[in-house]
Protein backbone atom coordinates (compact mmCIF):
# COMPACT_ATOMS: atom_id res chain seq x y z
CA MET A 1 13.29 -29.01 -35.91
CA ALA A 2 15.58 -30.00 -39.05
CA TRP A 3 18.82 -27.81 -38.97
CA ARG A 4 18.30 -25.02 -41.41
CA ARG A 5 20.87 -23.74 -43.35
CA LEU A 6 22.17 -19.42 -43.35
CA TYR A 7 23.98 -17.98 -46.15
CA ILE A 8 26.07 -14.75 -44.91
CA THR A 9 27.11 -12.87 -48.08
CA VAL A 10 30.48 -10.51 -46.37
CA GLU A 11 31.78 -7.65 -47.82
CA GLY A 12 35.29 -8.29 -47.34
CA GLN A 13 37.54 -11.59 -45.56
CA THR A 14 37.61 -8.93 -41.93
CA GLU A 15 33.54 -9.99 -42.15
CA ARG A 16 33.95 -13.12 -43.06
CA LYS A 17 36.90 -13.94 -40.24
CA PHE A 18 34.32 -12.74 -37.54
CA ALA A 19 31.71 -14.72 -39.02
CA ASP A 20 33.50 -17.56 -38.99
CA GLU A 21 35.31 -17.51 -35.46
CA VAL A 22 31.80 -15.18 -33.72
CA LEU A 23 28.26 -15.63 -35.56
CA GLN A 24 29.08 -19.73 -36.58
CA PRO A 25 29.63 -21.06 -33.18
CA HIS A 26 27.19 -19.16 -31.87
CA LEU A 27 23.70 -19.66 -34.23
CA ALA A 28 24.32 -23.77 -34.07
CA GLN A 29 23.06 -23.63 -30.96
CA TYR A 30 20.19 -22.90 -32.23
CA SER A 31 19.93 -25.60 -35.01
CA LEU A 32 21.27 -23.12 -37.91
CA ASP A 33 24.39 -24.24 -40.11
CA VAL A 34 25.65 -20.69 -41.24
CA ARG A 35 28.30 -20.64 -44.86
CA THR A 36 30.18 -17.89 -44.72
CA ARG A 37 31.13 -16.30 -47.85
CA VAL A 38 32.49 -13.16 -49.67
CA VAL A 39 30.62 -11.02 -52.51
CA LEU A 40 31.27 -12.06 -55.73
CA THR A 41 32.69 -9.14 -57.73
CA ASN A 42 33.63 -9.94 -60.46
CA ARG A 43 32.77 -13.44 -61.76
CA LYS A 44 34.79 -13.69 -65.33
CA LEU A 45 38.03 -13.22 -62.97
CA GLY A 46 36.84 -15.17 -59.73
CA LYS A 47 36.87 -11.64 -57.91
CA ARG A 48 35.19 -11.40 -53.89
CA GLY A 49 34.74 -8.54 -51.21
CA GLY A 50 34.23 -5.36 -51.79
CA ILE A 51 30.38 -3.44 -53.00
CA LEU A 52 31.40 -1.66 -55.74
CA ASP A 53 27.88 -1.34 -56.82
CA PHE A 54 24.30 -2.32 -55.83
CA ALA A 55 24.09 -4.74 -59.04
CA ARG A 56 27.18 -7.10 -58.57
CA ILE A 57 25.33 -7.52 -54.85
CA ARG A 58 21.86 -8.45 -55.72
CA ASP A 59 23.26 -10.27 -58.84
CA ASP A 60 25.82 -11.91 -56.95
CA LEU A 61 22.49 -13.24 -54.48
CA GLY A 62 20.33 -13.97 -56.86
CA ARG A 63 22.50 -16.96 -58.05
CA LEU A 64 23.22 -18.07 -54.16
CA MET A 65 19.47 -17.85 -53.45
CA ARG A 66 18.41 -19.91 -57.31
CA GLU A 67 21.48 -22.80 -56.31
CA ASP A 68 19.99 -23.52 -53.34
CA GLY A 69 16.40 -22.55 -53.82
CA ASN A 70 15.29 -24.89 -51.16
CA GLY A 71 13.15 -23.47 -47.95
CA ASP A 72 15.33 -24.71 -45.23
CA ALA A 73 18.10 -21.95 -47.34
CA LEU A 74 17.49 -18.51 -45.43
CA PHE A 75 20.36 -15.64 -46.30
CA THR A 76 21.99 -12.58 -44.90
CA THR A 77 24.20 -10.27 -45.52
CA MET A 78 26.89 -8.12 -43.55
CA VAL A 79 27.90 -5.55 -45.04
CA ASP A 80 28.91 -1.30 -44.41
CA LEU A 81 26.58 1.03 -44.67
CA TYR A 82 29.77 3.59 -45.08
CA ALA A 83 30.57 4.18 -48.97
CA LEU A 84 27.09 2.11 -49.55
CA PRO A 85 27.25 2.68 -53.37
CA ASP A 86 24.39 5.21 -54.18
CA GLU A 87 22.33 3.38 -56.72
CA PHE A 88 21.81 1.27 -53.71
CA PRO A 89 17.65 1.01 -53.40
CA GLY A 90 16.08 2.88 -51.01
CA TRP A 91 19.27 5.77 -50.30
CA GLY A 92 16.63 8.36 -51.71
CA GLU A 93 14.39 7.97 -49.14
CA ALA A 94 16.88 7.23 -46.39
CA ARG A 95 18.67 10.56 -46.79
CA THR A 96 15.83 12.41 -45.62
CA LYS A 97 16.18 10.48 -42.58
CA ALA A 98 18.10 12.53 -39.72
CA ALA A 99 18.82 9.38 -37.22
CA PRO A 100 21.53 6.46 -38.73
CA THR A 101 19.38 4.00 -37.27
CA GLU A 102 16.39 5.36 -38.98
CA ARG A 103 17.89 5.52 -42.74
CA VAL A 104 19.77 1.87 -42.45
CA ALA A 105 16.24 0.16 -41.91
CA VAL A 106 14.83 1.97 -45.06
CA LEU A 107 18.37 0.45 -46.74
CA GLU A 108 17.61 -2.60 -45.38
CA ALA A 109 13.76 -2.67 -46.46
CA ALA A 110 14.57 -1.74 -49.92
CA PHE A 111 17.16 -4.48 -50.04
CA GLN A 112 14.59 -7.55 -49.49
CA ALA A 113 12.21 -6.09 -51.31
CA GLU A 114 14.42 -5.63 -54.26
CA MET A 115 15.70 -9.13 -54.26
CA GLY A 116 11.43 -9.98 -53.29
CA ASP A 117 12.64 -13.41 -51.78
CA ARG A 118 11.47 -14.20 -48.34
CA ARG A 119 14.03 -16.55 -47.49
CA PHE A 120 16.82 -13.55 -47.13
CA LEU A 121 16.83 -10.66 -44.08
CA PRO A 122 19.49 -8.07 -45.24
CA TYR A 123 21.63 -6.66 -42.82
CA ILE A 124 23.78 -3.34 -42.60
CA GLN A 125 26.00 -2.57 -40.41
CA LEU A 126 25.97 0.92 -38.73
CA HIS A 127 28.38 2.19 -39.90
CA GLU A 128 31.02 -0.47 -40.28
CA PHE A 129 32.85 -3.69 -39.13
CA GLU A 130 35.44 -1.13 -37.06
CA ALA A 131 32.33 -0.03 -35.01
CA LEU A 132 32.25 -3.70 -33.16
CA LEU A 133 36.34 -2.88 -32.15
CA TYR A 134 34.80 0.58 -30.52
CA CYS A 135 33.17 -2.21 -27.84
CA ASP A 136 36.60 -2.42 -26.30
CA LEU A 137 39.46 -0.90 -27.60
CA SER A 138 41.96 -2.33 -25.49
CA GLN A 139 41.65 -5.85 -27.45
CA LEU A 140 43.64 -3.62 -30.00
CA GLN A 141 45.77 -1.78 -27.63
CA ARG A 142 46.41 -6.03 -26.53
CA ARG A 143 47.19 -6.44 -30.19
CA ILE A 144 49.12 -4.16 -31.96
CA PRO A 145 52.61 -2.86 -29.77
CA ASN A 146 53.14 0.31 -28.57
CA SER A 147 49.96 1.50 -29.15
CA ASP A 148 49.26 2.71 -25.34
CA GLY A 149 48.73 6.33 -26.35
CA ALA A 150 47.71 5.77 -29.71
CA ILE A 151 44.23 3.69 -28.03
CA THR A 152 44.23 6.85 -25.14
CA ALA A 153 43.50 9.37 -28.16
CA LEU A 154 41.49 7.71 -29.77
CA SER A 155 39.41 6.55 -26.80
CA GLN A 156 38.59 10.34 -25.90
CA GLU A 157 38.35 11.41 -29.32
CA VAL A 158 35.23 9.07 -28.96
CA ALA A 159 34.59 9.63 -25.38
CA GLY A 160 30.14 10.27 -25.78
CA LEU A 161 29.45 8.09 -28.55
CA ARG A 162 28.34 4.63 -28.74
CA PRO A 163 29.39 2.62 -31.14
CA GLU A 164 26.84 2.91 -33.51
CA GLU A 165 27.42 6.36 -33.23
CA ILE A 166 30.35 6.63 -34.87
CA ASN A 167 29.61 8.40 -38.08
CA GLU A 168 30.55 7.59 -42.08
CA GLY A 169 32.60 10.30 -42.61
CA ALA A 170 35.69 10.40 -45.30
CA THR A 171 38.00 10.51 -41.84
CA THR A 172 35.57 9.82 -39.22
CA ALA A 173 34.43 6.89 -39.75
CA PRO A 174 35.02 3.70 -37.38
CA SER A 175 37.99 2.49 -39.42
CA LYS A 176 38.99 5.90 -40.97
CA ARG A 177 39.69 7.08 -37.03
CA ILE A 178 41.52 3.95 -36.10
CA ILE A 179 44.30 3.88 -38.83
CA ARG A 180 45.31 7.64 -38.28
CA HIS A 181 46.16 6.74 -34.56
CA LEU A 182 47.10 3.34 -35.90
CA PRO A 183 48.59 3.00 -39.19
CA ILE A 184 49.79 -0.29 -38.87
CA TYR A 185 45.46 -1.28 -38.61
CA GLU A 186 45.07 -1.26 -42.57
CA LYS A 187 47.59 -3.28 -43.72
CA THR A 188 46.13 -5.70 -40.74
CA LYS A 189 42.39 -5.58 -40.29
CA VAL A 190 41.98 -9.05 -41.24
CA ARG A 191 44.57 -10.43 -38.51
CA ILE A 192 44.14 -7.74 -36.19
CA GLY A 193 40.24 -6.52 -35.97
CA ALA A 194 38.80 -9.82 -36.02
CA PRO A 195 40.10 -11.63 -33.56
CA ALA A 196 39.68 -8.57 -31.52
CA ALA A 197 35.80 -8.39 -32.16
CA ALA A 198 36.22 -12.54 -31.34
CA ALA A 199 37.67 -11.73 -27.96
CA ILE A 200 35.78 -8.67 -26.97
CA GLY A 201 33.03 -11.37 -26.76
CA LEU A 202 29.48 -11.48 -29.17
CA PRO A 203 27.70 -10.43 -25.51
CA ALA A 204 29.61 -7.01 -25.01
CA LEU A 205 28.95 -6.52 -28.83
CA ARG A 206 25.21 -6.66 -28.41
CA ALA A 207 25.48 -4.87 -25.19
CA GLN A 208 26.71 -1.32 -26.44
CA CYS A 209 25.87 -2.38 -30.76
CA PRO A 210 21.99 -2.06 -30.53
CA HIS A 211 21.54 -2.72 -34.65
CA PHE A 212 23.61 -5.02 -33.76
CA ASP A 213 22.16 -6.96 -31.57
CA GLY A 214 18.47 -6.97 -33.68
CA TRP A 215 20.19 -9.02 -36.33
CA VAL A 216 21.74 -11.50 -34.34
CA ARG A 217 17.69 -11.72 -32.61
CA LYS A 218 16.54 -12.39 -35.66
CA LEU A 219 18.81 -15.05 -36.53
CA GLU A 220 18.45 -16.75 -33.76
CA GLY A 221 14.84 -16.68 -34.22
CA LEU A 222 14.88 -18.20 -37.60
CA GLY A 223 16.05 -21.75 -36.32
CA GLN A 224 15.48 -23.59 -32.85
CA PRO A 225 17.20 -23.86 -29.51
CA LEU A 226 19.56 -27.18 -29.59
CA ALA A 227 18.24 -29.29 -26.25
CA VAL A 228 19.88 -29.28 -23.57
């Protein structure tokens, strides 16, 4: 089987760094040529980053799919459920679901239907990228000086919750909790967040984050393992 191009459209630079450093080498083992990109939010100014409204990510993905219309091209996303725009397709039904995993499944299915391209496999992170860091908060501790007490308090705050269960409240979303205990993270998330997640390692991330693991498994299934 020939190599296939896999375009991963991400929400920001932290996700891009993570995709480049963690997902790209892993998926290369499945004959997938990963090409990461940050969503274009202002075409005129060339501005990228953030899902300000659904039309912008829809139009950005649509242009990309038209530019590479070949059947061997594949497309996916890595965007946060937290602060997802209200006009995102499927929100009406998703809000009737009690479990976050059910809500995100509805949104992903609606997103795929809206794009109308079978080469597209959307992924929405529960509830944002920083959830992955809760798989091993010691990796943040190693990168932020004098953070022992803050990490202990943060660990106690989320005790009993799986990383993907940490909710999307304005003050209780994964990143908001980190920033409350470690304000420096807000301005250093690209430099600290992505390397911390990479250091945790893909096996640990997948073991503790079932929705994330399901996405990676689906991506693996799009390719073919390289012969050893």
